[in-house]
Amino acid sequence: MSVRAAIFAAAIVVATSAIPWAQDKAVVGMEKSGPFKPGNPIVFQVKLNEPLPKGAHFDFRISPVSADEEIAFGSGEPVDASQKVFRVSATLPEGALPGDWHISVIWLFLPGSGWTHTTIAPNALKFEVEGKPYPIPTKAEVTVGH
């Protein structure tokens, strides 16, 4: 390998490894403090530390703290031309588990990608969903049938 090819290969490795680090923090806030009710709208403001690259999008997911139920909201709409501030709005499902909720993950999809392991780290925002608590199965006795 020539010196020029080696330098080019090293530059590609450095450039691609820097991409996740450039998009690693987001500040998430809410227009209304809650509590929220199942079936009602919920709105988040997401402020990225760097502009979202052209053609990229993120998948914003929330979850109850007490269960691993993720609800995906998508990227939402940019608030201004900076591509750093987004408004993410959706409706909580009718059967949303009552209690404390949080942001479970923000997946980052760069242009042309269909799958990713890259995430954007959000702040530790928690909010409350109202509702009547209901039991969730946590154990099962399993036997082999005949």
N, C-alpha and C. Protein backbone atom coordinates (compact mmCIF):
# COMPACT_ATOMS: atom_id res chain seq x y z
N MET A 1 0.85 -1.18 0.00
CA MET A 1 0.00 0.00 0.00
C MET A 1 0.89 1.23 0.00
N SER A 2 0.55 2.18 -0.85
CA SER A 2 1.34 3.41 -0.93
C SER A 2 1.08 4.27 0.31
N VAL A 3 1.98 5.22 0.52
CA VAL A 3 1.83 6.14 1.65
C VAL A 3 0.55 6.95 1.49
N ARG A 4 0.25 7.38 0.27
CA ARG A 4 -0.96 8.17 0.01
C ARG A 4 -2.22 7.36 0.33
N ALA A 5 -2.25 6.08 -0.06
CA ALA A 5 -3.40 5.21 0.23
C ALA A 5 -3.54 4.97 1.72
N ALA A 6 -2.42 4.81 2.43
CA ALA A 6 -2.46 4.60 3.88
C ALA A 6 -3.00 5.82 4.59
N ILE A 7 -2.58 7.00 4.16
CA ILE A 7 -3.08 8.25 4.77
C ILE A 7 -4.57 8.40 4.50
N PHE A 8 -5.01 8.09 3.27
CA PHE A 8 -6.43 8.18 2.92
C PHE A 8 -7.26 7.21 3.77
N ALA A 9 -6.78 5.97 3.92
CA ALA A 9 -7.49 4.97 4.73
C ALA A 9 -7.57 5.42 6.18
N ALA A 10 -6.48 5.97 6.72
CA ALA A 10 -6.49 6.47 8.10
C ALA A 10 -7.48 7.62 8.26
N ALA A 11 -7.55 8.50 7.25
CA ALA A 11 -8.49 9.63 7.31
C ALA A 11 -9.93 9.14 7.32
N ILE A 12 -10.23 8.09 6.55
CA ILE A 12 -11.59 7.53 6.54
C ILE A 12 -11.93 6.95 7.90
N VAL A 13 -11.01 6.21 8.50
CA VAL A 13 -11.26 5.63 9.83
C VAL A 13 -11.51 6.73 10.85
N VAL A 14 -10.70 7.78 10.84
CA VAL A 14 -10.88 8.88 11.79
C VAL A 14 -12.21 9.58 11.54
N ALA A 15 -12.55 9.84 10.29
CA ALA A 15 -13.79 10.55 9.98
C ALA A 15 -15.01 9.74 10.37
N THR A 16 -15.03 8.44 10.07
CA THR A 16 -16.21 7.64 10.40
C THR A 16 -16.32 7.37 11.88
N SER A 17 -15.21 7.28 12.58
CA SER A 17 -15.31 7.06 14.02
C SER A 17 -15.72 8.32 14.76
N ALA A 18 -15.54 9.48 14.14
CA ALA A 18 -15.93 10.74 14.78
C ALA A 18 -17.41 11.02 14.66
N ILE A 19 -18.10 10.41 13.70
CA ILE A 19 -19.52 10.69 13.48
C ILE A 19 -20.36 10.46 14.72
N PRO A 20 -20.31 9.29 15.40
CA PRO A 20 -21.15 9.11 16.58
C PRO A 20 -20.83 10.10 17.70
N TRP A 21 -19.58 10.48 17.83
CA TRP A 21 -19.21 11.39 18.92
C TRP A 21 -19.74 12.79 18.68
N ALA A 22 -19.88 13.18 17.42
CA ALA A 22 -20.39 14.52 17.12
C ALA A 22 -21.88 14.62 17.44
N GLN A 23 -22.60 13.51 17.48
CA GLN A 23 -24.04 13.51 17.70
C GLN A 23 -24.40 12.81 19.00
N ASP A 24 -23.64 12.97 20.07
CA ASP A 24 -23.84 12.14 21.25
C ASP A 24 -24.65 12.76 22.38
N LYS A 25 -25.10 14.00 22.27
CA LYS A 25 -25.86 14.62 23.36
C LYS A 25 -27.08 15.35 22.83
N ALA A 26 -28.17 15.26 23.55
CA ALA A 26 -29.39 15.99 23.22
C ALA A 26 -30.05 16.42 24.51
N VAL A 27 -30.63 17.62 24.50
CA VAL A 27 -31.39 18.11 25.64
C VAL A 27 -32.86 18.02 25.27
N VAL A 28 -33.63 17.28 26.06
CA VAL A 28 -35.05 17.08 25.78
C VAL A 28 -35.87 17.77 26.86
N GLY A 29 -36.84 18.56 26.43
CA GLY A 29 -37.75 19.22 27.35
C GLY A 29 -39.18 18.96 26.91
N MET A 30 -40.12 19.43 27.70
CA MET A 30 -41.54 19.21 27.39
C MET A 30 -42.26 20.55 27.41
N GLU A 31 -43.26 20.69 26.52
CA GLU A 31 -44.06 21.91 26.49
C GLU A 31 -44.97 22.00 27.70
N LYS A 32 -45.44 20.87 28.19
CA LYS A 32 -46.34 20.79 29.35
C LYS A 32 -45.69 19.84 30.35
N SER A 33 -45.77 20.13 31.63
CA SER A 33 -45.07 19.31 32.62
C SER A 33 -45.81 18.04 33.01
N GLY A 34 -47.07 17.90 32.69
CA GLY A 34 -47.79 16.67 33.02
C GLY A 34 -48.51 16.80 34.34
N PRO A 35 -49.11 15.76 34.85
CA PRO A 35 -49.09 14.39 34.34
C PRO A 35 -49.89 14.27 33.04
N PHE A 36 -49.58 13.23 32.29
CA PHE A 36 -50.21 12.96 31.00
C PHE A 36 -51.16 11.79 31.12
N LYS A 37 -52.15 11.75 30.26
CA LYS A 37 -53.15 10.68 30.30
C LYS A 37 -53.07 9.86 29.03
N PRO A 38 -53.27 8.53 29.15
CA PRO A 38 -53.31 7.69 27.96
C PRO A 38 -54.36 8.20 26.98
N GLY A 39 -54.03 8.19 25.70
CA GLY A 39 -54.94 8.67 24.67
C GLY A 39 -54.82 10.15 24.39
N ASN A 40 -54.02 10.88 25.19
CA ASN A 40 -53.85 12.32 25.00
C ASN A 40 -52.51 12.62 24.33
N PRO A 41 -52.40 13.82 23.74
CA PRO A 41 -51.14 14.18 23.09
C PRO A 41 -50.02 14.46 24.10
N ILE A 42 -48.80 14.29 23.61
CA ILE A 42 -47.61 14.61 24.40
C ILE A 42 -46.60 15.22 23.42
N VAL A 43 -45.92 16.29 23.84
CA VAL A 43 -45.00 17.02 22.96
C VAL A 43 -43.66 17.19 23.66
N PHE A 44 -42.58 16.87 22.93
CA PHE A 44 -41.21 17.03 23.42
C PHE A 44 -40.47 18.02 22.54
N GLN A 45 -39.55 18.77 23.13
CA GLN A 45 -38.62 19.59 22.36
C GLN A 45 -37.24 18.95 22.50
N VAL A 46 -36.61 18.62 21.39
CA VAL A 46 -35.31 17.97 21.37
C VAL A 46 -34.30 18.95 20.79
N LYS A 47 -33.27 19.27 21.59
CA LYS A 47 -32.22 20.17 21.12
C LYS A 47 -30.92 19.37 21.02
N LEU A 48 -30.46 19.16 19.79
CA LEU A 48 -29.24 18.41 19.55
C LEU A 48 -28.02 19.30 19.78
N ASN A 49 -26.89 18.69 20.14
CA ASN A 49 -25.68 19.48 20.35
C ASN A 49 -25.03 19.87 19.03
N GLU A 50 -25.36 19.19 17.94
CA GLU A 50 -24.86 19.49 16.60
C GLU A 50 -26.04 19.40 15.64
N PRO A 51 -25.98 20.10 14.50
CA PRO A 51 -27.08 20.00 13.53
C PRO A 51 -27.24 18.57 13.02
N LEU A 52 -28.47 18.18 12.76
CA LEU A 52 -28.74 16.87 12.17
C LEU A 52 -28.27 16.92 10.71
N PRO A 53 -27.40 15.99 10.30
CA PRO A 53 -26.91 16.03 8.91
C PRO A 53 -28.05 15.92 7.90
N LYS A 54 -27.86 16.55 6.75
CA LYS A 54 -28.87 16.49 5.69
C LYS A 54 -29.13 15.04 5.32
N GLY A 55 -30.39 14.65 5.27
CA GLY A 55 -30.78 13.28 4.93
C GLY A 55 -30.82 12.33 6.11
N ALA A 56 -30.36 12.76 7.28
CA ALA A 56 -30.38 11.92 8.48
C ALA A 56 -31.71 12.12 9.22
N HIS A 57 -32.05 11.19 10.10
CA HIS A 57 -33.21 11.34 10.96
C HIS A 57 -32.95 10.57 12.25
N PHE A 58 -33.78 10.82 13.26
CA PHE A 58 -33.66 10.06 14.50
C PHE A 58 -34.99 9.45 14.86
N ASP A 59 -34.94 8.38 15.65
CA ASP A 59 -36.12 7.67 16.11
C ASP A 59 -36.18 7.87 17.62
N PHE A 60 -37.13 8.64 18.08
CA PHE A 60 -37.29 9.04 19.48
C PHE A 60 -38.23 8.05 20.16
N ARG A 61 -37.76 7.37 21.21
CA ARG A 61 -38.59 6.37 21.89
C ARG A 61 -38.69 6.65 23.38
N ILE A 62 -39.91 6.48 23.91
CA ILE A 62 -40.16 6.62 25.34
C ILE A 62 -40.62 5.29 25.91
N SER A 63 -40.51 5.15 27.23
CA SER A 63 -40.85 3.88 27.88
C SER A 63 -41.21 4.12 29.33
N PRO A 64 -42.12 3.29 29.88
CA PRO A 64 -42.34 3.36 31.33
C PRO A 64 -41.09 2.85 32.04
N VAL A 65 -40.82 3.39 33.21
CA VAL A 65 -39.65 2.97 33.99
C VAL A 65 -39.83 1.54 34.48
N SER A 66 -41.07 1.14 34.79
CA SER A 66 -41.32 -0.16 35.40
C SER A 66 -41.46 -1.31 34.40
N ALA A 67 -41.46 -1.03 33.11
CA ALA A 67 -41.62 -2.09 32.11
C ALA A 67 -40.82 -1.72 30.85
N ASP A 68 -40.52 -2.70 30.05
CA ASP A 68 -39.76 -2.47 28.82
C ASP A 68 -40.71 -2.39 27.63
N GLU A 69 -41.55 -1.36 27.62
CA GLU A 69 -42.51 -1.11 26.55
C GLU A 69 -42.08 0.17 25.86
N GLU A 70 -41.55 0.08 24.64
CA GLU A 70 -41.10 1.27 23.94
C GLU A 70 -42.16 1.78 22.98
N ILE A 71 -42.32 3.10 22.96
CA ILE A 71 -43.23 3.74 22.02
C ILE A 71 -42.38 4.67 21.16
N ALA A 72 -42.39 4.43 19.84
CA ALA A 72 -41.57 5.21 18.91
C ALA A 72 -42.34 6.41 18.39
N PHE A 73 -41.67 7.56 18.36
CA PHE A 73 -42.28 8.79 17.87
C PHE A 73 -41.64 9.34 16.60
N GLY A 74 -40.46 8.93 16.21
CA GLY A 74 -39.80 9.49 15.02
C GLY A 74 -39.11 10.81 15.32
N SER A 75 -38.59 11.45 14.27
CA SER A 75 -37.79 12.67 14.42
C SER A 75 -38.59 13.92 14.73
N GLY A 76 -39.81 13.96 14.34
CA GLY A 76 -40.56 15.18 14.54
C GLY A 76 -40.21 16.21 13.48
N GLU A 77 -40.49 17.47 13.77
CA GLU A 77 -40.29 18.55 12.81
C GLU A 77 -39.22 19.51 13.32
N PRO A 78 -38.31 19.97 12.42
CA PRO A 78 -37.34 20.97 12.86
C PRO A 78 -38.06 22.28 13.20
N VAL A 79 -37.63 22.91 14.27
CA VAL A 79 -38.24 24.16 14.71
C VAL A 79 -37.68 25.35 13.95
N ASP A 80 -36.41 25.27 13.55
CA ASP A 80 -35.79 26.35 12.79
C ASP A 80 -34.79 25.78 11.79
N ALA A 81 -34.14 26.65 11.05
CA ALA A 81 -33.22 26.22 9.99
C ALA A 81 -31.92 25.63 10.51
N SER A 82 -31.65 25.72 11.80
CA SER A 82 -30.38 25.22 12.35
C SER A 82 -30.27 23.70 12.31
N GLN A 83 -31.41 23.00 12.18
CA GLN A 83 -31.45 21.53 12.22
C GLN A 83 -30.92 20.99 13.55
N LYS A 84 -31.05 21.81 14.62
CA LYS A 84 -30.63 21.38 15.95
C LYS A 84 -31.81 21.24 16.91
N VAL A 85 -32.92 21.93 16.65
CA VAL A 85 -34.07 21.91 17.56
C VAL A 85 -35.26 21.30 16.82
N PHE A 86 -35.89 20.29 17.46
CA PHE A 86 -37.00 19.57 16.85
C PHE A 86 -38.17 19.51 17.82
N ARG A 87 -39.36 19.48 17.27
CA ARG A 87 -40.60 19.30 18.04
C ARG A 87 -41.11 17.90 17.71
N VAL A 88 -41.15 17.05 18.73
CA VAL A 88 -41.61 15.67 18.56
C VAL A 88 -42.96 15.55 19.28
N SER A 89 -44.01 15.25 18.52
CA SER A 89 -45.33 15.15 19.14
C SER A 89 -46.03 13.89 18.67
N ALA A 90 -46.82 13.33 19.55
CA ALA A 90 -47.59 12.12 19.25
C ALA A 90 -48.68 11.99 20.30
N THR A 91 -49.41 10.89 20.24
CA THR A 91 -50.45 10.59 21.21
C THR A 91 -50.05 9.35 21.99
N LEU A 92 -50.17 9.43 23.32
CA LEU A 92 -49.90 8.24 24.13
C LEU A 92 -50.95 7.19 23.83
N PRO A 93 -50.58 5.92 23.72
CA PRO A 93 -51.58 4.88 23.46
C PRO A 93 -52.60 4.79 24.59
N GLU A 94 -53.80 4.34 24.27
CA GLU A 94 -54.87 4.18 25.27
C GLU A 94 -54.45 3.29 26.43
N GLY A 95 -53.67 2.26 26.17
CA GLY A 95 -53.26 1.33 27.22
C GLY A 95 -51.93 1.65 27.86
N ALA A 96 -51.47 2.91 27.75
CA ALA A 96 -50.17 3.28 28.32
C ALA A 96 -50.14 2.99 29.82
N LEU A 97 -49.10 2.32 30.24
CA LEU A 97 -48.93 1.95 31.65
C LEU A 97 -48.80 3.20 32.51
N PRO A 98 -49.56 3.33 33.59
CA PRO A 98 -49.43 4.50 34.45
C PRO A 98 -48.14 4.45 35.26
N GLY A 99 -47.66 5.64 35.64
CA GLY A 99 -46.45 5.74 36.45
C GLY A 99 -45.39 6.60 35.78
N ASP A 100 -44.15 6.47 36.26
CA ASP A 100 -43.03 7.24 35.74
C ASP A 100 -42.59 6.70 34.39
N TRP A 101 -42.30 7.61 33.47
CA TRP A 101 -41.80 7.28 32.13
C TRP A 101 -40.50 8.04 31.90
N HIS A 102 -39.75 7.61 30.91
CA HIS A 102 -38.49 8.28 30.55
C HIS A 102 -38.22 8.08 29.06
N ILE A 103 -37.17 8.73 28.57
CA ILE A 103 -36.72 8.51 27.20
C ILE A 103 -35.89 7.25 27.21
N SER A 104 -36.31 6.23 26.48
CA SER A 104 -35.56 4.97 26.51
C SER A 104 -34.38 5.00 25.56
N VAL A 105 -34.52 5.61 24.39
CA VAL A 105 -33.41 5.67 23.43
C VAL A 105 -33.74 6.66 22.33
N ILE A 106 -32.71 7.28 21.77
CA ILE A 106 -32.84 8.07 20.55
C ILE A 106 -31.86 7.47 19.55
N TRP A 107 -32.39 6.76 18.55
CA TRP A 107 -31.55 6.14 17.51
C TRP A 107 -31.25 7.17 16.44
N LEU A 108 -30.00 7.22 15.98
CA LEU A 108 -29.60 8.12 14.91
C LEU A 108 -29.40 7.33 13.62
N PHE A 109 -30.11 7.72 12.56
CA PHE A 109 -29.98 7.09 11.25
C PHE A 109 -29.33 8.09 10.30
N LEU A 110 -28.11 7.81 9.89
CA LEU A 110 -27.42 8.68 8.94
C LEU A 110 -27.98 8.43 7.54
N PRO A 111 -27.73 9.34 6.59
CA PRO A 111 -28.32 9.20 5.25
C PRO A 111 -28.05 7.83 4.64
N GLY A 112 -29.12 7.20 4.13
CA GLY A 112 -29.00 5.93 3.45
C GLY A 112 -28.95 4.71 4.34
N SER A 113 -28.95 4.88 5.66
CA SER A 113 -28.86 3.71 6.55
C SER A 113 -30.26 3.18 6.86
N GLY A 114 -30.36 1.86 6.91
CA GLY A 114 -31.63 1.23 7.26
C GLY A 114 -31.59 0.64 8.65
N TRP A 115 -30.40 0.51 9.22
CA TRP A 115 -30.23 -0.04 10.55
C TRP A 115 -29.06 0.68 11.19
N THR A 116 -29.10 0.83 12.51
CA THR A 116 -28.04 1.57 13.19
C THR A 116 -27.83 1.04 14.60
N HIS A 117 -26.66 1.27 15.11
CA HIS A 117 -26.36 1.04 16.52
C HIS A 117 -25.98 2.37 17.17
N THR A 118 -26.05 3.45 16.39
CA THR A 118 -25.66 4.77 16.87
C THR A 118 -26.83 5.42 17.59
N THR A 119 -26.57 5.89 18.80
CA THR A 119 -27.62 6.56 19.57
C THR A 119 -27.19 7.98 19.91
N ILE A 120 -28.17 8.81 20.20
CA ILE A 120 -27.94 10.16 20.70
C ILE A 120 -28.32 10.12 22.18
N ALA A 121 -27.41 10.49 23.05
CA ALA A 121 -27.66 10.42 24.50
C ALA A 121 -28.53 11.60 24.94
N PRO A 122 -29.71 11.32 25.49
CA PRO A 122 -30.57 12.40 26.00
C PRO A 122 -30.26 12.70 27.47
N ASN A 123 -30.77 13.85 27.92
CA ASN A 123 -30.72 14.14 29.36
C ASN A 123 -31.70 13.20 30.07
N ALA A 124 -31.63 13.15 31.39
CA ALA A 124 -32.45 12.21 32.19
C ALA A 124 -33.82 12.82 32.48
N LEU A 125 -34.65 12.97 31.47
CA LEU A 125 -36.00 13.53 31.62
C LEU A 125 -36.96 12.42 32.03
N LYS A 126 -37.74 12.68 33.10
CA LYS A 126 -38.81 11.76 33.51
C LYS A 126 -40.11 12.53 33.55
N PHE A 127 -41.22 11.82 33.30
CA PHE A 127 -42.54 12.43 33.34
C PHE A 127 -43.53 11.37 33.80
N GLU A 128 -44.72 11.82 34.23
CA GLU A 128 -45.70 10.91 34.80
C GLU A 128 -46.89 10.73 33.86
N VAL A 129 -47.32 9.47 33.76
CA VAL A 129 -48.54 9.14 33.02
C VAL A 129 -49.57 8.68 34.04
N GLU A 130 -50.75 9.33 34.03
CA GLU A 130 -51.81 8.96 34.96
C GLU A 130 -52.57 7.74 34.46
N GLY A 131 -53.24 7.11 35.39
CA GLY A 131 -54.08 5.98 35.02
C GLY A 131 -54.20 5.02 36.18
N LYS A 132 -55.15 4.12 36.03
CA LYS A 132 -55.37 3.11 37.05
C LYS A 132 -54.33 2.01 36.88
N PRO A 133 -53.54 1.73 37.93
CA PRO A 133 -52.54 0.66 37.82
C PRO A 133 -53.21 -0.69 37.56
N TYR A 134 -52.53 -1.52 36.82
CA TYR A 134 -53.02 -2.86 36.57
C TYR A 134 -51.85 -3.83 36.66
N PRO A 135 -52.14 -5.08 37.08
CA PRO A 135 -51.05 -6.04 37.25
C PRO A 135 -50.42 -6.43 35.93
N ILE A 136 -49.12 -6.61 35.97
CA ILE A 136 -48.35 -7.04 34.80
C ILE A 136 -47.74 -8.40 35.13
N PRO A 137 -47.96 -9.42 34.30
CA PRO A 137 -47.35 -10.73 34.60
C PRO A 137 -45.83 -10.61 34.61
N THR A 138 -45.21 -11.21 35.64
CA THR A 138 -43.76 -11.18 35.74
C THR A 138 -43.16 -12.58 35.90
N LYS A 139 -44.00 -13.58 36.17
CA LYS A 139 -43.52 -14.95 36.36
C LYS A 139 -44.46 -15.92 35.66
N ALA A 140 -43.91 -17.06 35.25
CA ALA A 140 -44.72 -18.10 34.64
C ALA A 140 -44.17 -19.46 35.07
N GLU A 141 -45.05 -20.37 35.35
CA GLU A 141 -44.66 -21.74 35.63
C GLU A 141 -44.85 -22.52 34.34
N VAL A 142 -43.78 -23.10 33.85
CA VAL A 142 -43.83 -23.79 32.56
C VAL A 142 -43.55 -25.28 32.79
N THR A 143 -44.39 -26.11 32.22
CA THR A 143 -44.19 -27.56 32.27
C THR A 143 -44.21 -28.11 30.86
N VAL A 144 -43.71 -29.31 30.70
CA VAL A 144 -43.73 -29.96 29.39
C VAL A 144 -45.04 -30.73 29.28
N GLY A 145 -45.76 -30.47 28.21
CA GLY A 145 -47.04 -31.15 28.00
C GLY A 145 -46.85 -32.52 27.36
N HIS A 146 -47.89 -33.35 27.47
CA HIS A 146 -47.83 -34.68 26.87
C HIS A 146 -48.51 -34.69 25.54
